[in-house]
């Protein structure tokens, strides 16, 4: 009976061992396999025959082994029974877990698009380098930002943009040493560790070499694409002893390049930190101004020089800061566009302009047009312009509005003319080419633009009566604009002589500038404001002046 029970238990034990999902292998002192359950045999002969060496070496421990392309976790321990020593080894197939773990690590530390290290891995690497740095150690960080990447993306396609980023990564990597490291930290931004730094000149030369490499054409989907990158450098420990400080200083140096000739290289200097601090302060104030609706409108009349009537007003952006001081757009508009804040500002200005229409109508009449400036970057932003046109149409006054855009807006893969202009036309608004003559300024290009109005930049108008060559260019622009059905407006008119020349030598009717009126805030155009009486008197005075004999001969 006892023997039968023992036999039963032995059979049960063997069945249990065979049913285990974990491989179980037992070797004797001669390293011969005396037991291998089904799970172990399923891993193949190598799991039974080749593992003993590893298992004996890892006795009372654990290790990962590759067995027939599978990742196997091996755990071994010595057993003693009846004076004999055996090795019990358990084998667990962790291939799937290993793949998942490797994928998670890749997601955490590797950029999916370029397969470069990402921000997290790069920062950890630099932190470790700093922590173990000897007193004489020096290395550099380079902040690399592609120039005009959004325009490339818009013109060619996002797929081409992604391909460009991969090719940029490959091209930079080809120039690096074994201890250098390139990472993509987002969008079109890369950071580069140059280690070690022998001397500043050699590091600068390495960055310049990368800059020149990136200026060579990239061939993508049958297109020859030209790109460049602005690069800023900081050096450890001269410019900082933490990753964050070094990155910030390299970023500051890069922005110095962006503010000058793009595609260059700059090394951080202390003065850049002060500029960056001031820039950050303005940025924070801008964001608060948007939140608190501190932007307001100034309105400058557009006058028919021949009838002396106000035919339109241009809406000019102003910022009434926290102290109540009015800031002109030249102090902040570029930063607002760069930071993507201009969209919110433009929608606020549209709302305020619509609210001011009754006052404008009372002063100048209900037929005057209202010109609103749209940045070129906004004009090619189809989602924004769609929302803007919807908001403009909802006012019920869209036919009063003229949207002023610089020439640049018309030359981004015709995106504006193809996708945005029809939306503007659909709500009844018109389009004006602003500051003509200082942008692309191609007469051939002008012939391709579909617009209602052409505003000649003030650089052509200033002292026009004294500049014969500018007079010739002015006549050419005027003739082509009129031939294409555009009304022509002279901007920046400030003197009697300029107006007299325009009246005597051109067919231009409309002008805008300080000669007639400065921009007026909404509170200044209330009919109760005595300054409006002065404005009317000024317009009457200008009319009287221009009825007098001209002070200069007629130019033919």
Protein backbone atom coordinates (compact mmCIF):
# COMPACT_ATOMS: atom_id res chain seq x y z
CA UNK A 1 0.00 0.00 0.00
CA UNK A 2 2.82 2.37 1.00
CA UNK A 3 4.77 1.53 -2.12
CA UNK A 4 1.70 2.17 -4.28
CA UNK A 5 1.18 5.58 -2.64
CA UNK A 6 4.81 6.49 -3.21
CA UNK A 7 4.51 5.48 -6.84
CA UNK A 8 1.35 7.53 -7.20
CA UNK A 9 3.02 10.59 -5.71
CA UNK A 10 6.05 10.15 -7.93
CA UNK A 11 3.78 10.00 -10.98
CA UNK A 12 1.93 13.09 -9.80
CA UNK A 13 5.21 14.94 -9.29
CA UNK A 14 6.45 14.00 -12.75
CA UNK A 15 3.12 15.06 -14.31
CA UNK A 16 3.29 18.37 -12.45
CA UNK A 17 6.86 19.04 -13.61
CA UNK A 18 5.91 18.21 -17.20
CA UNK A 19 2.88 20.52 -17.03
CA UNK A 20 4.81 23.52 -15.73
CA UNK A 21 4.90 26.46 -18.24
CA UNK A 22 8.47 27.09 -17.15
CA UNK A 23 11.27 24.89 -18.45
CA UNK A 24 12.84 22.70 -15.79
CA UNK A 25 16.17 20.93 -16.41
CA UNK A 26 18.25 18.88 -13.98
CA UNK A 27 21.92 18.01 -14.59
CA UNK A 28 24.09 15.66 -12.56
CA UNK A 29 27.66 16.32 -11.46
CA UNK A 30 28.91 15.15 -14.87
CA UNK A 31 26.66 17.77 -16.46
CA UNK A 32 24.48 15.18 -18.07
CA UNK A 33 20.82 16.04 -18.41
CA UNK A 34 18.75 13.63 -16.34
CA UNK A 35 15.48 15.55 -16.54
CA UNK A 36 13.97 18.04 -18.98
CA UNK A 37 10.29 18.80 -18.90
CA UNK A 38 8.11 19.54 -21.93
CA UNK A 39 8.54 23.34 -21.66
CA UNK A 40 12.33 22.97 -21.70
CA UNK A 41 12.28 20.60 -24.67
CA UNK A 42 9.98 23.00 -26.54
CA UNK A 43 12.79 25.52 -26.47
CA UNK A 44 14.88 23.14 -28.54
CA UNK A 45 17.94 20.95 -28.03
CA UNK A 46 20.12 23.96 -27.27
CA UNK A 47 18.09 24.68 -24.18
CA UNK A 48 18.87 21.22 -22.85
CA UNK A 49 22.36 20.56 -24.20
CA UNK A 50 24.03 23.96 -24.57
CA UNK A 51 22.76 25.64 -21.45
CA UNK A 52 24.58 23.60 -18.81
CA UNK A 53 27.83 25.59 -19.16
CA UNK A 54 25.97 28.87 -18.68
CA UNK A 55 23.86 27.38 -15.93
CA UNK A 56 26.86 26.03 -13.98
CA UNK A 57 28.58 29.38 -14.36
CA UNK A 58 25.47 31.15 -13.05
CA UNK A 59 24.70 28.71 -10.25
CA UNK A 60 22.60 30.41 -7.59
CA UNK A 61 22.11 33.29 -10.02
CA UNK A 62 20.25 34.39 -13.15
CA UNK A 63 21.19 35.32 -16.71
CA UNK A 64 19.65 36.02 -20.10
CA UNK A 65 20.65 33.74 -22.95
CA UNK A 66 19.82 33.76 -26.65
CA UNK A 67 18.57 30.31 -27.69
CA UNK A 68 17.57 29.85 -31.35
CA UNK A 69 16.64 33.56 -31.64
CA UNK A 70 14.65 33.39 -28.42
CA UNK A 71 15.54 35.33 -25.27
CA UNK A 72 15.57 32.92 -22.33
CA UNK A 73 15.93 33.82 -18.67
CA UNK A 74 18.08 31.16 -16.98
CA UNK A 75 17.96 30.68 -13.21
CA UNK A 76 20.09 27.95 -11.60
CA UNK A 77 20.71 26.59 -8.14
CA UNK A 78 22.61 23.62 -6.72
CA UNK A 79 20.73 20.75 -5.06
CA UNK A 80 22.03 17.95 -2.86
CA UNK A 81 20.25 14.62 -2.51
CA UNK A 82 21.57 11.41 -0.95
CA UNK A 83 25.13 12.64 -1.15
CA UNK A 84 24.86 13.67 -4.82
CA UNK A 85 25.00 17.24 -6.20
CA UNK A 86 22.66 18.30 -8.97
CA UNK A 87 21.97 21.52 -10.82
CA UNK A 88 18.35 22.61 -11.11
CA UNK A 89 17.79 25.10 -13.93
CA UNK A 90 14.57 26.92 -14.76
CA UNK A 91 14.13 28.38 -18.24
CA UNK A 92 11.62 31.14 -18.98
CA UNK A 93 10.97 32.38 -22.52
CA UNK A 94 10.94 36.18 -22.12
CA UNK A 95 11.24 37.03 -25.82
CA UNK A 96 7.92 38.86 -26.01
CA UNK A 97 8.54 40.70 -22.76
CA UNK A 98 12.02 41.63 -23.96
CA UNK A 99 10.62 43.01 -27.23
CA UNK A 100 8.03 45.06 -25.35
CA UNK A 101 10.65 46.32 -22.94
CA UNK A 102 12.99 47.24 -25.78
CA UNK A 103 10.14 49.05 -27.53
CA UNK A 104 9.31 50.99 -24.37
CA UNK A 105 12.95 51.98 -23.96
CA UNK A 106 13.04 53.09 -27.59
CA UNK A 107 9.89 55.14 -27.13
CA UNK A 108 11.33 56.73 -24.02
CA UNK A 109 14.77 57.55 -25.41
CA UNK A 110 14.72 57.40 -29.23
CA UNK A 111 13.11 59.80 -31.70
CA UNK A 112 10.74 57.74 -33.85
CA UNK A 113 11.28 59.71 -37.06
CA UNK A 114 15.07 60.04 -37.22
CA UNK A 115 16.06 57.17 -34.86
CA UNK A 116 18.28 59.68 -33.05
CA UNK A 117 18.43 59.99 -29.26
CA UNK A 118 15.62 62.19 -28.01
CA UNK A 119 15.65 65.05 -25.51
CA UNK A 120 15.50 62.76 -22.46
CA UNK A 121 18.43 60.55 -23.45
CA UNK A 122 20.51 63.51 -24.58
CA UNK A 123 19.93 65.38 -21.32
CA UNK A 124 20.80 62.29 -19.25
CA UNK A 125 23.98 61.79 -21.26
CA UNK A 126 25.10 65.38 -20.73
CA UNK A 127 24.18 65.25 -17.04
CA UNK A 128 26.30 62.10 -16.62
CA UNK A 129 29.15 63.76 -18.51
CA UNK A 130 29.01 66.78 -16.21
CA UNK A 131 28.78 64.63 -13.08
CA UNK A 132 31.94 62.73 -14.02
CA UNK A 133 33.83 65.66 -15.52
CA UNK A 134 37.43 66.26 -14.50
CA UNK A 135 38.55 69.85 -13.79
CA UNK A 136 40.13 70.19 -17.24
CA UNK A 137 37.16 68.70 -19.12
CA UNK A 138 35.52 70.85 -21.80
CA UNK A 139 32.76 70.05 -24.26
CA UNK A 140 30.30 72.05 -26.36
CA UNK A 141 26.58 72.00 -27.01
CA UNK A 142 25.25 73.14 -30.39
CA UNK A 143 21.61 74.12 -30.81
CA UNK A 144 20.62 73.56 -34.45
CA UNK A 145 17.40 75.00 -35.88
CA UNK A 146 16.46 74.53 -39.54
CA UNK A 147 15.63 77.78 -41.36
CA UNK A 148 12.23 78.23 -43.00
CA UNK A 149 11.27 74.62 -42.36
CA UNK A 150 7.54 75.44 -42.22
CA UNK A 151 7.71 76.97 -45.70
CA UNK A 152 9.47 73.85 -47.01
CA UNK A 153 6.80 71.70 -45.37
CA UNK A 154 4.00 73.81 -46.85
CA UNK A 155 5.50 73.98 -50.33
CA UNK A 156 6.59 70.38 -50.85
CA UNK A 157 4.52 68.33 -48.34
CA UNK A 158 4.82 67.04 -44.81
CA UNK A 159 6.20 63.75 -46.12
CA UNK A 160 9.00 65.66 -47.85
CA UNK A 161 9.57 67.60 -44.64
CA UNK A 162 9.94 64.35 -42.69
CA UNK A 163 12.34 63.01 -45.31
CA UNK A 164 14.36 66.22 -45.04
CA UNK A 165 14.67 65.84 -41.27
CA UNK A 166 15.98 62.29 -41.69
CA UNK A 167 18.49 63.39 -44.32
CA UNK A 168 19.62 66.29 -42.15
CA UNK A 169 20.23 63.87 -39.28
CA UNK A 170 22.23 61.54 -41.55
CA UNK A 171 24.29 64.40 -42.95
CA UNK A 172 25.19 65.78 -39.52
CA UNK A 173 25.99 62.30 -38.15
CA UNK A 174 28.40 61.74 -41.02
CA UNK A 175 30.52 64.64 -39.75
CA UNK A 176 30.69 63.56 -36.10
CA UNK A 177 33.42 61.94 -34.06
CA UNK A 178 33.00 58.75 -31.98
CA UNK A 179 32.26 60.61 -28.73
CA UNK A 180 29.93 63.21 -30.25
CA UNK A 181 26.16 62.82 -30.00
CA UNK A 182 23.29 64.23 -32.05
CA UNK A 183 19.69 64.31 -30.80
CA UNK A 184 16.39 65.60 -32.13
CA UNK A 185 14.47 67.43 -29.45
CA UNK A 186 11.35 68.29 -31.43
CA UNK A 187 10.09 69.73 -34.71
CA UNK A 188 13.03 71.00 -36.72
CA UNK A 189 15.32 71.41 -33.69
CA UNK A 190 18.43 69.33 -33.00
CA UNK A 191 21.07 69.46 -30.27
CA UNK A 192 24.61 68.27 -30.69
CA UNK A 193 27.24 67.29 -28.13
CA UNK A 194 30.78 67.95 -29.32
CA UNK A 195 33.13 66.17 -26.97
CA UNK A 196 35.86 66.90 -26.16
CA UNK A 197 36.58 70.53 -27.00
CA UNK A 198 40.27 70.98 -27.76
CA UNK A 199 40.02 74.68 -28.45
CA UNK A 200 37.28 77.14 -29.34
CA UNK A 201 38.44 77.66 -32.91
CA UNK A 202 38.34 73.93 -33.69
CA UNK A 203 34.83 73.66 -32.24
CA UNK A 204 33.65 76.66 -34.23
CA UNK A 205 35.21 75.16 -37.36
CA UNK A 206 33.34 71.88 -36.75
CA UNK A 207 30.03 73.76 -36.42
CA UNK A 208 30.77 75.79 -39.56
CA UNK A 209 31.50 72.56 -41.43
CA UNK A 210 28.09 71.19 -40.41
CA UNK A 211 26.48 74.48 -41.46
CA UNK A 212 28.05 74.25 -44.91
CA UNK A 213 27.07 70.59 -45.28
CA UNK A 214 23.43 71.49 -44.63
CA UNK A 215 23.50 74.16 -47.35
CA UNK A 216 24.18 71.56 -50.01
CA UNK A 217 21.01 70.48 -51.86
CA UNK A 218 18.89 67.57 -50.66
CA UNK A 219 17.25 65.35 -53.27
CA UNK A 220 13.81 64.24 -52.12
CA UNK A 221 11.01 62.76 -54.26
CA UNK A 222 12.51 64.15 -57.44
CA UNK A 223 12.92 67.64 -55.96
CA UNK A 224 16.16 69.48 -55.30
CA UNK A 225 15.51 71.11 -51.93
CA UNK A 226 17.81 73.74 -50.47
CA UNK A 227 17.90 74.20 -46.72
CA UNK A 228 20.10 75.74 -44.07
CA UNK A 229 20.34 75.80 -40.30
CA UNK A 230 21.11 78.45 -37.72
CA UNK A 231 23.52 77.10 -35.10
CA UNK A 232 24.30 78.41 -31.62
CA UNK A 233 27.19 77.12 -29.49
CA UNK A 234 27.86 77.07 -25.76
CA UNK A 235 30.92 75.57 -24.03
CA UNK A 236 31.20 73.72 -20.70
CA UNK A 237 32.12 75.04 -18.17
CA UNK A 238 32.65 78.56 -19.61
CA UNK A 239 28.97 79.19 -20.34
CA UNK A 240 27.33 76.99 -17.72
CA UNK A 241 27.77 73.94 -15.53
CA UNK A 242 24.33 72.39 -15.99
CA UNK A 243 22.64 70.97 -19.07
CA UNK A 244 19.72 73.40 -18.85
CA UNK A 245 21.97 76.46 -18.68
CA UNK A 246 24.21 75.26 -21.51
CA UNK A 247 21.17 74.50 -23.68
CA UNK A 248 19.66 77.91 -22.95
CA UNK A 249 22.90 79.72 -23.80
CA UNK A 250 23.25 77.78 -27.06
CA UNK A 251 19.62 78.63 -27.82
CA UNK A 252 20.35 82.33 -27.20
CA UNK A 253 23.32 82.18 -29.55
CA UNK A 254 21.15 80.49 -32.19
CA UNK A 255 18.55 83.27 -31.97
CA UNK A 256 21.28 85.79 -32.61
CA UNK A 257 21.91 84.03 -35.94
CA UNK A 258 18.17 83.99 -36.70
CA UNK A 259 18.05 87.74 -36.14
CA UNK A 260 20.81 88.33 -38.70
CA UNK A 261 21.82 86.24 -41.68
CA UNK A 262 20.25 82.80 -41.31
CA UNK A 263 22.36 79.73 -41.90
CA UNK A 264 25.27 80.93 -39.80
CA UNK A 265 26.99 79.94 -36.55
CA UNK A 266 27.33 81.96 -33.36
CA UNK A 267 29.08 81.29 -30.04
CA UNK A 268 27.34 82.45 -26.88
CA UNK A 269 28.37 85.78 -25.38
CA UNK A 270 27.20 87.25 -22.09
CA UNK A 271 25.35 90.11 -23.80
CA UNK A 272 23.08 87.54 -25.47
CA UNK A 273 21.78 86.50 -22.07
CA UNK A 274 20.62 90.04 -21.35
CA UNK A 275 18.90 90.22 -24.74
CA UNK A 276 17.21 86.87 -24.12
CA UNK A 277 16.05 87.99 -20.67
CA UNK A 278 14.56 91.16 -22.13
CA UNK A 279 12.91 89.13 -24.90
CA UNK A 280 11.40 86.75 -22.37
CA UNK A 281 10.05 89.68 -20.36
CA UNK A 282 8.36 91.10 -23.48
CA UNK A 283 6.96 87.65 -24.29
CA UNK A 284 5.39 87.32 -20.86
CA UNK A 285 3.92 90.83 -21.09
CA UNK A 286 2.53 90.01 -24.53
CA UNK A 287 0.77 86.91 -23.23
CA UNK A 288 -0.71 88.90 -20.35
CA UNK A 289 -1.81 91.62 -22.78
CA UNK A 290 -3.70 89.05 -24.85
CA UNK A 291 -5.36 87.65 -21.75
CA UNK A 292 -6.32 91.11 -20.49
CA UNK A 293 -7.35 92.46 -23.95
CA UNK A 294 -4.85 95.31 -23.85
CA UNK A 295 -4.55 95.63 -27.63
CA UNK A 296 -6.36 98.48 -29.28
CA UNK A 297 -6.79 100.13 -32.67
CA UNK A 298 -5.56 103.32 -34.21
CA UNK A 299 -7.19 104.49 -37.43
CA UNK A 300 -5.37 106.43 -40.16
CA UNK A 301 -7.48 108.03 -42.91
CA UNK A 302 -6.91 107.24 -46.57
CA UNK A 303 -7.64 110.39 -48.61
CA UNK A 304 -8.60 111.00 -52.22
CA UNK A 305 -6.02 113.67 -53.11
CA UNK A 306 -8.22 115.10 -55.84
CA UNK A 307 -11.56 115.36 -54.05
CA UNK A 308 -9.99 115.70 -50.56
CA UNK A 309 -12.51 113.20 -49.19
CA UNK A 310 -11.67 110.43 -46.74
CA UNK A 311 -12.35 107.19 -48.61
CA UNK A 312 -11.04 104.69 -46.10
CA UNK A 313 -9.21 104.09 -42.86
CA UNK A 314 -6.40 101.67 -42.08
CA UNK A 315 -6.56 99.87 -38.75
CA UNK A 316 -3.18 100.01 -37.03
CA UNK A 317 -2.34 97.79 -34.07
CA UNK A 318 -1.41 99.40 -30.76
CA UNK A 319 -0.60 97.91 -27.35
CA UNK A 320 -1.76 99.82 -24.30
CA UNK A 321 0.58 98.35 -21.68
CA UNK A 322 -0.03 97.84 -17.99
CA UNK A 323 1.04 101.44 -17.31
CA UNK A 324 -1.35 102.79 -19.92
CA UNK A 325 1.49 103.67 -22.30
CA UNK A 326 0.78 103.08 -25.99
CA UNK A 327 3.34 100.82 -27.66
CA UNK A 328 3.81 100.93 -31.45
CA UNK A 329 3.82 97.57 -33.27
CA UNK A 330 7.47 97.85 -34.29
CA UNK A 331 8.34 97.06 -30.67
CA UNK A 332 6.49 93.74 -30.50
CA UNK A 333 4.82 92.62 -33.72
CA UNK A 334 7.76 90.51 -34.94
CA UNK A 335 7.92 88.62 -31.66
CA UNK A 336 4.15 88.08 -31.67
CA UNK A 337 4.37 86.54 -35.15
CA UNK A 338 7.34 84.37 -34.19
CA UNK A 339 5.61 83.06 -31.06
CA UNK A 340 2.33 82.38 -32.85
CA UNK A 341 0.50 84.96 -30.72
CA UNK A 342 -0.48 87.15 -33.65
CA UNK A 343 -3.61 85.11 -34.42
CA UNK A 344 -5.24 85.89 -31.07
CA UNK A 345 -4.24 89.54 -31.39
CA UNK A 346 -5.72 89.80 -34.90
CA UNK A 347 -9.07 88.38 -33.78
CA UNK A 348 -9.17 90.87 -30.90
CA UNK A 349 -8.44 93.74 -33.29
CA UNK A 350 -11.18 92.57 -35.66
CA UNK A 351 -13.70 92.59 -32.81
CA UNK A 352 -12.64 96.07 -31.66
CA UNK A 353 -12.75 97.42 -35.23
CA UNK A 354 -16.29 96.16 -35.76
CA UNK A 355 -17.28 97.76 -32.45
CA UNK A 356 -15.77 101.07 -33.62
CA UNK A 357 -17.57 101.13 -37.00
CA UNK A 358 -20.45 103.39 -35.81
CA UNK A 359 -17.93 106.03 -34.68
CA UNK A 360 -15.98 105.73 -37.94
CA UNK A 361 -19.21 106.11 -39.91
CA UNK A 362 -20.27 109.19 -37.96
CA UNK A 363 -16.96 110.91 -38.60
CA UNK A 364 -16.07 109.82 -42.13
CA UNK A 365 -19.34 108.48 -43.56
CA UNK A 366 -20.78 104.96 -43.95
CA UNK A 367 -19.05 104.27 -47.26
CA UNK A 368 -15.40 104.38 -46.14
CA UNK A 369 -13.46 101.14 -46.43
CA UNK A 370 -11.66 99.61 -43.46
CA UNK A 371 -8.20 98.11 -44.08
CA UNK A 372 -6.90 95.45 -41.72
CA UNK A 373 -3.34 94.08 -41.79
CA UNK A 374 -2.76 90.32 -41.98
CA UNK A 375 0.78 88.95 -41.55
CA UNK A 376 2.11 86.80 -44.38
CA UNK A 377 2.53 83.89 -41.98
CA UNK A 378 -1.15 84.15 -41.05
CA UNK A 379 -2.30 84.52 -44.64
CA UNK A 380 -0.86 81.10 -45.54
CA UNK A 381 -2.26 79.46 -42.40
CA UNK A 382 -5.38 77.93 -43.94
CA UNK A 383 -7.05 76.85 -40.64
CA UNK A 384 -6.58 80.30 -39.12
CA UNK A 385 -7.75 82.15 -42.22
CA UNK A 386 -10.79 79.88 -42.45
CA UNK A 387 -11.76 80.82 -38.90
CA UNK A 388 -10.93 84.47 -39.50
CA UNK A 389 -13.09 84.65 -42.63
CA UNK A 390 -15.94 82.96 -40.76
CA UNK A 391 -15.63 85.56 -37.99
CA UNK A 392 -15.44 88.38 -40.53
CA UNK A 393 -18.48 87.10 -42.41
CA UNK A 394 -20.44 86.80 -39.17
CA UNK A 395 -20.06 90.55 -38.55
CA UNK A 396 -22.28 91.34 -41.54
CA UNK A 397 -19.82 94.06 -42.57
CA UNK A 398 -17.22 92.02 -44.49
CA UNK A 399 -17.82 94.05 -47.66
CA UNK A 400 -16.40 97.09 -45.86
CA UNK A 401 -13.08 95.38 -45.19
CA UNK A 402 -9.86 95.34 -47.18
CA UNK A 403 -7.25 92.82 -45.98
CA UNK A 404 -3.73 94.16 -46.44
CA UNK A 405 -1.01 91.55 -47.02
CA UNK A 406 2.63 91.88 -48.01
CA UNK A 407 3.84 90.30 -51.24
CA UNK A 408 5.36 87.33 -49.40
CA UNK A 409 1.87 85.97 -48.69
CA UNK A 410 1.23 85.45 -52.39
CA UNK A 411 4.31 83.33 -53.09
CA UNK A 412 4.03 80.25 -50.86
CA UNK A 413 3.20 77.59 -53.44
CA UNK A 414 0.21 79.79 -54.42
CA UNK A 415 -1.41 78.49 -51.23
CA UNK A 416 -2.92 81.86 -50.42
CA UNK A 417 -4.37 82.46 -53.88
CA UNK A 418 -5.57 78.86 -54.26
CA UNK A 419 -7.06 78.16 -50.82
CA UNK A 420 -7.42 81.39 -48.86
CA UNK A 421 -8.32 84.07 -51.40
CA UNK A 422 -11.55 82.31 -52.47
CA UNK A 423 -12.69 82.32 -48.82
CA UNK A 424 -12.03 86.05 -48.55
CA UNK A 425 -13.94 86.68 -51.76
CA UNK A 426 -16.80 84.49 -50.57
CA UNK A 427 -17.48 86.69 -47.53
CA UNK A 428 -17.25 89.86 -49.66
CA UNK A 429 -13.95 91.34 -48.45
CA UNK A 430 -11.23 92.72 -50.70
CA UNK A 431 -7.45 92.27 -50.78
CA UNK A 432 -4.61 94.80 -50.89
CA UNK A 433 -0.89 94.29 -51.55
CA UNK A 434 0.83 96.23 -48.77
CA UNK A 435 4.33 97.76 -48.77
CA UNK A 436 4.83 97.00 -52.46
CA UNK A 437 8.40 97.60 -53.55
CA UNK A 438 10.29 96.27 -50.53
CA UNK A 439 9.43 92.56 -50.67
CA UNK A 440 9.69 90.29 -53.69
CA UNK A 441 9.06 93.35 -55.86
CA UNK A 442 9.00 91.56 -59.21
CA UNK A 443 6.81 93.20 -61.83
CA UNK A 444 6.40 89.79 -63.44
CA UNK A 445 5.27 88.41 -60.10
CA UNK A 446 2.86 91.31 -59.69
CA UNK A 447 1.16 90.23 -62.91
CA UNK A 448 0.36 86.87 -61.27
CA UNK A 449 -1.23 88.37 -58.14
CA UNK A 450 -4.99 88.66 -57.88
CA UNK A 451 -5.70 91.70 -55.70
CA UNK A 452 -7.94 94.76 -55.60
CA UNK A 453 -5.48 97.37 -54.36
CA UNK A 454 -1.78 98.09 -54.53
CA UNK A 455 -0.14 100.20 -51.81
CA UNK A 456 3.22 101.64 -52.86
CA UNK A 457 5.71 101.59 -49.99
CA UNK A 458 6.68 104.90 -48.46
CA UNK A 459 10.34 104.33 -49.43
CA UNK A 460 9.29 105.17 -53.00
CA UNK A 461 7.18 108.17 -51.97
CA UNK A 462 9.57 109.98 -49.61
CA UNK A 463 11.08 112.95 -51.48
CA UNK A 464 9.70 111.56 -54.74
CA UNK A 465 9.82 115.08 -56.21
CA UNK A 466 13.63 115.05 -55.88
CA UNK A 467 14.42 111.52 -57.10
CA UNK A 468 14.15 111.03 -60.88
CA UNK A 469 15.04 107.33 -60.87
CA UNK A 470 12.40 106.57 -58.24
CA UNK A 471 9.92 108.53 -60.35
CA UNK A 472 10.53 106.14 -63.25
CA UNK A 473 9.99 103.07 -61.03
CA UNK A 474 6.88 104.65 -59.52
CA UNK A 475 5.38 105.21 -62.96
CA UNK A 476 6.06 101.59 -63.93
CA UNK A 477 4.38 100.24 -60.80
CA UNK A 478 1.45 102.60 -61.21
CA UNK A 479 0.91 101.68 -64.86
CA UNK A 480 1.01 97.95 -64.25
CA UNK A 481 -1.24 98.19 -61.20
CA UNK A 482 -3.86 100.21 -63.06
CA UNK A 483 -3.63 97.94 -66.12
CA UNK A 484 -4.32 94.93 -63.88
CA UNK A 485 -7.40 96.62 -62.44
CA UNK A 486 -5.93 97.50 -59.06
CA UNK A 487 -6.49 100.83 -57.38
CA UNK A 488 -3.15 102.38 -56.38
CA UNK A 489 -2.47 104.04 -53.02
CA UNK A 490 0.62 106.04 -52.04
CA UNK A 491 1.75 105.34 -48.48
CA UNK A 492 3.78 107.57 -46.20
CA UNK A 493 2.87 110.90 -47.80
CA UNK A 494 4.20 113.60 -45.49
CA UNK A 495 4.88 116.80 -47.44
CA UNK A 496 3.09 119.19 -49.74
CA UNK A 497 5.78 118.63 -52.39
CA UNK A 498 5.16 114.88 -52.44
CA UNK A 499 1.40 115.36 -52.85
CA UNK A 500 1.91 117.99 -55.54
CA UNK A 501 4.17 115.66 -57.49
CA UNK A 502 1.71 112.77 -57.25
CA UNK A 503 -1.12 115.00 -58.46
CA UNK A 504 0.89 116.53 -61.27
CA UNK A 505 2.81 113.55 -62.58
CA UNK A 506 0.68 110.47 -61.85
CA UNK A 507 -2.90 109.26 -62.01
CA UNK A 508 -2.76 108.06 -58.40
CA UNK A 509 -5.79 109.35 -56.49
CA UNK A 510 -5.44 107.99 -52.97
CA UNK A 511 -2.77 108.73 -50.39
CA UNK A 512 -2.17 107.96 -46.75
CA UNK A 513 0.27 109.61 -44.41
CA UNK A 514 1.03 112.30 -41.84
CA UNK A 515 0.42 115.05 -44.38
CA UNK A 516 -3.29 114.36 -43.93
CA UNK A 517 -3.57 112.78 -40.51
CA UNK A 518 -1.72 110.75 -37.93
CA UNK A 519 -3.27 107.48 -36.70
CA UNK A 520 -6.11 108.20 -34.28
CA UNK A 521 -7.17 106.10 -31.30
CA UNK A 522 -10.87 105.31 -30.95
CA UNK A 523 -11.31 107.85 -28.15
CA UNK A 524 -9.84 110.48 -30.45
CA UNK A 525 -12.41 109.96 -33.18
CA UNK A 526 -15.47 110.54 -31.00
CA UNK A 527 -17.35 113.48 -32.42
CA UNK A 528 -17.17 115.23 -29.09
CA UNK A 529 -13.37 115.28 -29.20
CA UNK A 530 -12.10 118.74 -30.28
CA UNK A 531 -9.27 117.05 -32.17
CA UNK A 532 -11.81 116.02 -34.80
CA UNK A 533 -12.50 119.65 -35.48
CA UNK A 534 -8.78 120.10 -36.05
CA UNK A 535 -8.74 117.10 -38.40
CA UNK A 536 -11.51 118.57 -40.53
CA UNK A 537 -9.69 121.90 -40.53
CA UNK A 538 -6.49 120.13 -41.61
CA UNK A 539 -8.22 118.42 -44.53
CA UNK A 540 -9.75 121.73 -45.63
CA UNK A 541 -6.34 123.39 -45.33
CA UNK A 542 -4.71 120.68 -47.42
CA UNK A 543 -7.37 121.15 -50.09
CA UNK A 544 -6.69 124.89 -50.17
CA UNK A 545 -2.96 124.35 -50.45
CA UNK A 546 -3.38 122.03 -53.40
CA UNK A 547 -5.63 124.46 -55.24
CA UNK A 548 -2.72 126.91 -55.28
CA UNK A 549 -0.22 126.84 -58.17
CA UNK A 550 2.14 123.86 -57.79
CA UNK A 551 5.56 124.58 -56.36
CA UNK A 552 7.36 122.32 -58.79
CA UNK A 553 7.19 121.84 -62.50
CA UNK A 554 5.10 119.04 -63.98
CA UNK A 555 7.15 115.95 -64.77
CA UNK A 556 6.20 114.21 -68.01
